[in-house]
């Protein structure tokens, strides 16, 4: 088991677009295994490449714990390589979201209720999935990560302002995080 440190919200890598993955490799398969280990260790339900410092269009997800609570279908652990949301269906639904890169902060975000996503699985076989509920929300959240978008970016300026002191607490280390994170770089000044 190899648990990777999670990059926190103020790291510039989280604001960059991830690169498509062109081929399978031993390193990629190891990264996928390490990402699952890291996600489960952090008690998360999704984790994107940029969140572990890898600008690769890849995320892992396991929405089953939330699906079980909400009485939604289970899909088991999924690997999505080069995912693309090709359709959004149904009304926008507002639900609280959190993020391993923004520990201790949750906020309501509106997203389409249903999506259709196409992707490559870990065997590099093309897949297409139509999902709703928690899995749809998590896939949209993780796909945003691959575009350099955080759920904070989807909040109004007013809501972001209200969260600024909590973000500062993450920045200064005042928030206790019970999983490994990337150490803060010394700020030039």
C-alpha atoms as a PDB file:
ATOM      1  CA  UNK A   1       0.000   0.000   0.000  1.00  0.00           C
ATOM      2  CA  UNK A   2       1.342   3.375  -0.977  1.00  0.00           C
ATOM      3  CA  UNK A   3      -0.560   6.396   0.280  1.00  0.00           C
ATOM      4  CA  UNK A   4       0.194   9.549  -1.685  1.00  0.00           C
ATOM      5  CA  UNK A   5       0.000  12.999  -0.082  1.00  0.00           C
ATOM      6  CA  UNK A   6      -2.988  15.107  -1.162  1.00  0.00           C
ATOM      7  CA  UNK A   7      -2.382  18.538  -2.719  1.00  0.00           C
ATOM      8  CA  UNK A   8      -4.361  21.289  -0.955  1.00  0.00           C
ATOM      9  CA  UNK A   9      -6.468  23.986  -2.598  1.00  0.00           C
ATOM     10  CA  UNK A  10      -3.825  26.738  -2.870  1.00  0.00           C
ATOM     11  CA  UNK A  11      -1.381  24.669  -4.980  1.00  0.00           C
ATOM     12  CA  UNK A  12      -1.219  25.891  -8.572  1.00  0.00           C
ATOM     13  CA  UNK A  13      -1.369  22.330  -9.997  1.00  0.00           C
ATOM     14  CA  UNK A  14      -5.059  22.210  -9.014  1.00  0.00           C
ATOM     15  CA  UNK A  15      -5.736  25.136 -11.350  1.00  0.00           C
ATOM     16  CA  UNK A  16      -4.102  23.570 -14.432  1.00  0.00           C
ATOM     17  CA  UNK A  17      -5.698  21.400 -17.092  1.00  0.00           C
ATOM     18  CA  UNK A  18      -4.585  17.763 -16.941  1.00  0.00           C
ATOM     19  CA  UNK A  19      -2.983  16.053 -19.948  1.00  0.00           C
ATOM     20  CA  UNK A  20      -4.689  13.158 -21.754  1.00  0.00           C
ATOM     21  CA  UNK A  21      -3.184   9.725 -21.136  1.00  0.00           C
ATOM     22  CA  UNK A  22      -2.006   8.197 -24.386  1.00  0.00           C
ATOM     23  CA  UNK A  23      -0.984   4.673 -23.334  1.00  0.00           C
ATOM     24  CA  UNK A  24      -1.038   2.159 -20.542  1.00  0.00           C
ATOM     25  CA  UNK A  25       2.099   1.481 -18.512  1.00  0.00           C
ATOM     26  CA  UNK A  26       3.278  -0.169 -15.305  1.00  0.00           C
ATOM     27  CA  UNK A  27       3.700   3.309 -13.817  1.00  0.00           C
ATOM     28  CA  UNK A  28       0.090   4.214 -14.673  1.00  0.00           C
ATOM     29  CA  UNK A  29      -1.254   1.002 -13.111  1.00  0.00           C
ATOM     30  CA  UNK A  30       0.826   1.677  -9.970  1.00  0.00           C
ATOM     31  CA  UNK A  31      -0.500   5.251  -9.846  1.00  0.00           C
ATOM     32  CA  UNK A  32      -4.078   3.930 -10.058  1.00  0.00           C
ATOM     33  CA  UNK A  33      -3.445   1.497  -7.177  1.00  0.00           C
ATOM     34  CA  UNK A  34      -1.792   4.254  -5.113  1.00  0.00           C
ATOM     35  CA  UNK A  35      -4.689   6.628  -5.825  1.00  0.00           C
ATOM     36  CA  UNK A  36      -7.205   4.045  -4.555  1.00  0.00           C
ATOM     37  CA  UNK A  37      -5.057   3.513  -1.428  1.00  0.00           C
ATOM     38  CA  UNK A  38      -4.867   7.284  -0.909  1.00  0.00           C
ATOM     39  CA  UNK A  39      -8.598   7.825  -1.471  1.00  0.00           C
ATOM     40  CA  UNK A  40      -9.608   5.070   0.961  1.00  0.00           C
ATOM     41  CA  UNK A  41      -6.992   6.175   3.535  1.00  0.00           C
ATOM     42  CA  UNK A  42      -8.448   9.712   3.388  1.00  0.00           C
ATOM     43  CA  UNK A  43     -12.024   8.385   3.578  1.00  0.00           C
ATOM     44  CA  UNK A  44     -12.785  10.022   0.229  1.00  0.00           C
ATOM     45  CA  UNK A  45     -15.106   8.860  -2.542  1.00  0.00           C
ATOM     46  CA  UNK A  46     -13.147  10.292  -5.483  1.00  0.00           C
ATOM     47  CA  UNK A  47      -9.592  11.377  -6.232  1.00  0.00           C
ATOM     48  CA  UNK A  48      -8.204  12.983  -9.399  1.00  0.00           C
ATOM     49  CA  UNK A  49      -4.632  12.876 -10.714  1.00  0.00           C
ATOM     50  CA  UNK A  50      -3.914  16.566 -10.009  1.00  0.00           C
ATOM     51  CA  UNK A  51      -4.874  16.040  -6.359  1.00  0.00           C
ATOM     52  CA  UNK A  52      -1.829  13.784  -5.965  1.00  0.00           C
ATOM     53  CA  UNK A  53       0.418  16.034  -8.038  1.00  0.00           C
ATOM     54  CA  UNK A  54      -0.067  14.220 -11.364  1.00  0.00           C
ATOM     55  CA  UNK A  55      -1.371  16.339 -14.267  1.00  0.00           C
ATOM     56  CA  UNK A  56      -2.987  13.297 -15.887  1.00  0.00           C
ATOM     57  CA  UNK A  57      -6.625  12.969 -17.052  1.00  0.00           C
ATOM     58  CA  UNK A  58      -7.447  10.235 -14.596  1.00  0.00           C
ATOM     59  CA  UNK A  59      -9.543   9.761 -11.502  1.00  0.00           C
ATOM     60  CA  UNK A  60     -10.667   6.948  -9.235  1.00  0.00           C
ATOM     61  CA  UNK A  61     -14.076   6.840  -7.587  1.00  0.00           C
ATOM     62  CA  UNK A  62     -16.035   4.614  -5.233  1.00  0.00           C
ATOM     63  CA  UNK A  63     -19.455   6.105  -4.512  1.00  0.00           C
ATOM     64  CA  UNK A  64     -20.863   2.902  -3.000  1.00  0.00           C
ATOM     65  CA  UNK A  65     -20.864   4.095   0.654  1.00  0.00           C
ATOM     66  CA  UNK A  66     -22.925   7.159  -0.309  1.00  0.00           C
ATOM     67  CA  UNK A  67     -25.071   5.211  -2.785  1.00  0.00           C
ATOM     68  CA  UNK A  68     -25.952   2.682  -0.083  1.00  0.00           C
ATOM     69  CA  UNK A  69     -27.071   5.454   2.284  1.00  0.00           C
ATOM     70  CA  UNK A  70     -29.157   7.097  -0.457  1.00  0.00           C
ATOM     71  CA  UNK A  71     -30.504   3.742  -1.725  1.00  0.00           C
ATOM     72  CA  UNK A  72     -28.940   4.286  -5.160  1.00  0.00           C
ATOM     73  CA  UNK A  73     -27.418   1.616  -7.435  1.00  0.00           C
ATOM     74  CA  UNK A  74     -23.865   0.554  -6.583  1.00  0.00           C
ATOM     75  CA  UNK A  75     -21.170   0.564  -9.251  1.00  0.00           C
ATOM     76  CA  UNK A  76     -18.126  -0.491  -7.213  1.00  0.00           C
ATOM     77  CA  UNK A  77     -14.706   1.126  -7.539  1.00  0.00           C
ATOM     78  CA  UNK A  78     -14.214   2.776 -10.943  1.00  0.00           C
ATOM     79  CA  UNK A  79     -11.180   4.085 -12.813  1.00  0.00           C
ATOM     80  CA  UNK A  80     -11.877   6.760 -15.414  1.00  0.00           C
ATOM     81  CA  UNK A  81      -9.086   7.593 -17.835  1.00  0.00           C
ATOM     82  CA  UNK A  82      -9.600  10.551 -20.204  1.00  0.00           C
ATOM     83  CA  UNK A  83     -13.241  10.958 -19.081  1.00  0.00           C
ATOM     84  CA  UNK A  84     -15.599  13.158 -21.059  1.00  0.00           C
ATOM     85  CA  UNK A  85     -19.123  14.075 -20.015  1.00  0.00           C
ATOM     86  CA  UNK A  86     -21.076  13.830 -23.266  1.00  0.00           C
ATOM     87  CA  UNK A  87     -24.572  14.599 -21.953  1.00  0.00           C
ATOM     88  CA  UNK A  88     -26.185  16.275 -18.970  1.00  0.00           C
ATOM     89  CA  UNK A  89     -29.802  15.449 -18.199  1.00  0.00           C
ATOM     90  CA  UNK A  90     -32.486  16.455 -15.778  1.00  0.00           C
ATOM     91  CA  UNK A  91     -32.728  19.470 -13.529  1.00  0.00           C
ATOM     92  CA  UNK A  92     -29.833  21.077 -11.693  1.00  0.00           C
ATOM     93  CA  UNK A  93     -29.737  19.778  -8.137  1.00  0.00           C
ATOM     94  CA  UNK A  94     -28.023  21.542  -5.253  1.00  0.00           C
ATOM     95  CA  UNK A  95     -26.087  19.303  -2.858  1.00  0.00           C
ATOM     96  CA  UNK A  96     -23.298  19.842  -0.362  1.00  0.00           C
ATOM     97  CA  UNK A  97     -19.858  19.013  -1.711  1.00  0.00           C
ATOM     98  CA  UNK A  98     -16.518  18.631  -0.023  1.00  0.00           C
ATOM     99  CA  UNK A  99     -13.053  17.868  -1.332  1.00  0.00           C
ATOM    100  CA  UNK A 100      -9.941  16.144   0.010  1.00  0.00           C
ATOM    101  CA  UNK A 101      -7.935  19.124  -1.303  1.00  0.00           C
ATOM    102  CA  UNK A 102     -10.107  21.536   0.702  1.00  0.00           C
ATOM    103  CA  UNK A 103     -10.402  19.734   4.062  1.00  0.00           C
ATOM    104  CA  UNK A 104     -13.132  20.726   6.476  1.00  0.00           C
ATOM    105  CA  UNK A 105     -15.128  22.823   4.009  1.00  0.00           C
ATOM    106  CA  UNK A 106     -18.467  21.859   2.494  1.00  0.00           C
ATOM    107  CA  UNK A 107     -20.739  24.054   0.423  1.00  0.00           C
ATOM    108  CA  UNK A 108     -23.858  23.613  -1.737  1.00  0.00           C
ATOM    109  CA  UNK A 109     -23.107  23.278  -5.458  1.00  0.00           C
ATOM    110  CA  UNK A 110     -25.680  22.961  -8.274  1.00  0.00           C
ATOM    111  CA  UNK A 111     -25.036  20.305 -10.909  1.00  0.00           C
ATOM    112  CA  UNK A 112     -27.156  18.344 -13.402  1.00  0.00           C
ATOM    113  CA  UNK A 113     -28.939  15.385 -11.836  1.00  0.00           C
ATOM    114  CA  UNK A 114     -27.911  12.869 -14.541  1.00  0.00           C
ATOM    115  CA  UNK A 115     -24.913  12.570 -16.856  1.00  0.00           C
ATOM    116  CA  UNK A 116     -23.525  10.332 -19.559  1.00  0.00           C
ATOM    117  CA  UNK A 117     -19.756   9.909 -19.338  1.00  0.00           C
ATOM    118  CA  UNK A 118     -17.425   8.108 -21.711  1.00  0.00           C
ATOM    119  CA  UNK A 119     -13.972   7.051 -20.592  1.00  0.00           C
ATOM    120  CA  UNK A 120     -11.323   4.354 -20.731  1.00  0.00           C
ATOM    121  CA  UNK A 121     -11.265   1.867 -17.861  1.00  0.00           C
ATOM    122  CA  UNK A 122      -8.004   0.696 -16.300  1.00  0.00           C
ATOM    123  CA  UNK A 123      -7.633  -1.955 -19.046  1.00  0.00           C
ATOM    124  CA  UNK A 124      -7.883   0.913 -21.583  1.00  0.00           C
ATOM    125  CA  UNK A 125     -11.215  -0.381 -22.855  1.00  0.00           C
ATOM    126  CA  UNK A 126     -13.782   2.268 -23.896  1.00  0.00           C
ATOM    127  CA  UNK A 127     -16.776   2.558 -21.576  1.00  0.00           C
ATOM    128  CA  UNK A 128     -19.907   4.673 -21.454  1.00  0.00           C
ATOM    129  CA  UNK A 129     -22.029   5.097 -18.354  1.00  0.00           C
ATOM    130  CA  UNK A 130     -25.274   6.928 -17.680  1.00  0.00           C
ATOM    131  CA  UNK A 131     -25.565   7.728 -13.994  1.00  0.00           C
ATOM    132  CA  UNK A 132     -27.437   9.885 -11.536  1.00  0.00           C
ATOM    133  CA  UNK A 133     -27.309  10.590  -7.834  1.00  0.00           C
ATOM    134  CA  UNK A 134     -24.047  10.609  -5.926  1.00  0.00           C
ATOM    135  CA  UNK A 135     -22.007   8.935  -8.657  1.00  0.00           C
ATOM    136  CA  UNK A 136     -23.050  11.607 -11.193  1.00  0.00           C
ATOM    137  CA  UNK A 137     -22.091  14.328  -8.716  1.00  0.00           C
ATOM    138  CA  UNK A 138     -18.694  12.780  -7.936  1.00  0.00           C
ATOM    139  CA  UNK A 139     -17.869  12.209 -11.621  1.00  0.00           C
ATOM    140  CA  UNK A 140     -18.697  15.871 -12.367  1.00  0.00           C
ATOM    141  CA  UNK A 141     -16.610  17.037  -9.384  1.00  0.00           C
ATOM    142  CA  UNK A 142     -13.602  14.917 -10.408  1.00  0.00           C
ATOM    143  CA  UNK A 143     -13.933  15.887 -14.085  1.00  0.00           C
ATOM    144  CA  UNK A 144     -13.767  19.521 -12.939  1.00  0.00           C
ATOM    145  CA  UNK A 145     -10.448  18.726 -11.225  1.00  0.00           C
ATOM    146  CA  UNK A 146      -9.073  17.564 -14.584  1.00  0.00           C
ATOM    147  CA  UNK A 147     -10.008  20.981 -16.025  1.00  0.00           C
ATOM    148  CA  UNK A 148      -8.359  22.906 -13.186  1.00  0.00           C
ATOM    149  CA  UNK A 149     -11.706  23.766 -11.555  1.00  0.00           C
ATOM    150  CA  UNK A 150     -12.397  23.402  -7.818  1.00  0.00           C
ATOM    151  CA  UNK A 151     -15.898  23.278  -6.364  1.00  0.00           C
ATOM    152  CA  UNK A 152     -15.073  26.640  -4.724  1.00  0.00           C
ATOM    153  CA  UNK A 153     -14.894  28.116  -8.247  1.00  0.00           C
ATOM    154  CA  UNK A 154     -18.571  27.209  -8.707  1.00  0.00           C
ATOM    155  CA  UNK A 155     -19.652  29.257  -5.673  1.00  0.00           C
ATOM    156  CA  UNK A 156     -20.774  32.871  -5.739  1.00  0.00           C
ATOM    157  CA  UNK A 157     -18.238  35.527  -4.803  1.00  0.00           C
ATOM    158  CA  UNK A 158     -20.244  36.123  -1.628  1.00  0.00           C
ATOM    159  CA  UNK A 159     -20.076  32.452  -0.574  1.00  0.00           C
ATOM    160  CA  UNK A 160     -16.332  32.319  -1.327  1.00  0.00           C
ATOM    161  CA  UNK A 161     -15.831  35.440   0.798  1.00  0.00           C
ATOM    162  CA  UNK A 162     -17.671  33.742   3.682  1.00  0.00           C
ATOM    163  CA  UNK A 163     -15.262  30.784   3.435  1.00  0.00           C
ATOM    164  CA  UNK A 164     -12.082  32.886   3.228  1.00  0.00           C
ATOM    165  CA  UNK A 165     -11.209  32.573   6.927  1.00  0.00           C
ATOM    166  CA  UNK A 166     -11.620  28.776   6.781  1.00  0.00           C
ATOM    167  CA  UNK A 167      -9.362  28.692   3.699  1.00  0.00           C
ATOM    168  CA  UNK A 168      -6.794  30.785   5.543  1.00  0.00           C
ATOM    169  CA  UNK A 169      -6.916  28.231   8.385  1.00  0.00           C
ATOM    170  CA  UNK A 170      -6.065  25.461   5.894  1.00  0.00           C
ATOM    171  CA  UNK A 171      -3.252  27.628   4.551  1.00  0.00           C
ATOM    172  CA  UNK A 172      -1.727  28.286   7.973  1.00  0.00           C
ATOM    173  CA  UNK A 173      -2.055  24.679   9.148  1.00  0.00           C
ATOM    174  CA  UNK A 174      -4.732  25.531  11.728  1.00  0.00           C
ATOM    175  CA  UNK A 175      -6.993  22.795  10.310  1.00  0.00           C
ATOM    176  CA  UNK A 176      -6.234  19.302  11.548  1.00  0.00           C
ATOM    177  CA  UNK A 177      -6.031  16.934   8.580  1.00  0.00           C
ATOM    178  CA  UNK A 178      -5.866  13.215   9.340  1.00  0.00           C
ATOM    179  CA  UNK A 179      -4.264  12.173   6.055  1.00  0.00           C
ATOM    180  CA  UNK A 180      -0.952  13.133   4.427  1.00  0.00           C
ATOM    181  CA  UNK A 181      -0.891  16.384   2.451  1.00  0.00           C
ATOM    182  CA  UNK A 182       1.777  18.015   0.312  1.00  0.00           C
ATOM    183  CA  UNK A 183       3.850  20.341   2.519  1.00  0.00           C
ATOM    184  CA  UNK A 184       3.294  24.048   1.955  1.00  0.00           C
ATOM    185  CA  UNK A 185       5.932  25.774  -0.138  1.00  0.00           C
ATOM    186  CA  UNK A 186       7.513  28.791   1.506  1.00  0.00           C
ATOM    187  CA  UNK A 187       5.858  31.899   0.130  1.00  0.00           C
ATOM    188  CA  UNK A 188       8.174  34.477  -1.398  1.00  0.00           C
ATOM    189  CA  UNK A 189       7.842  37.774   0.310  1.00  0.00           C
END
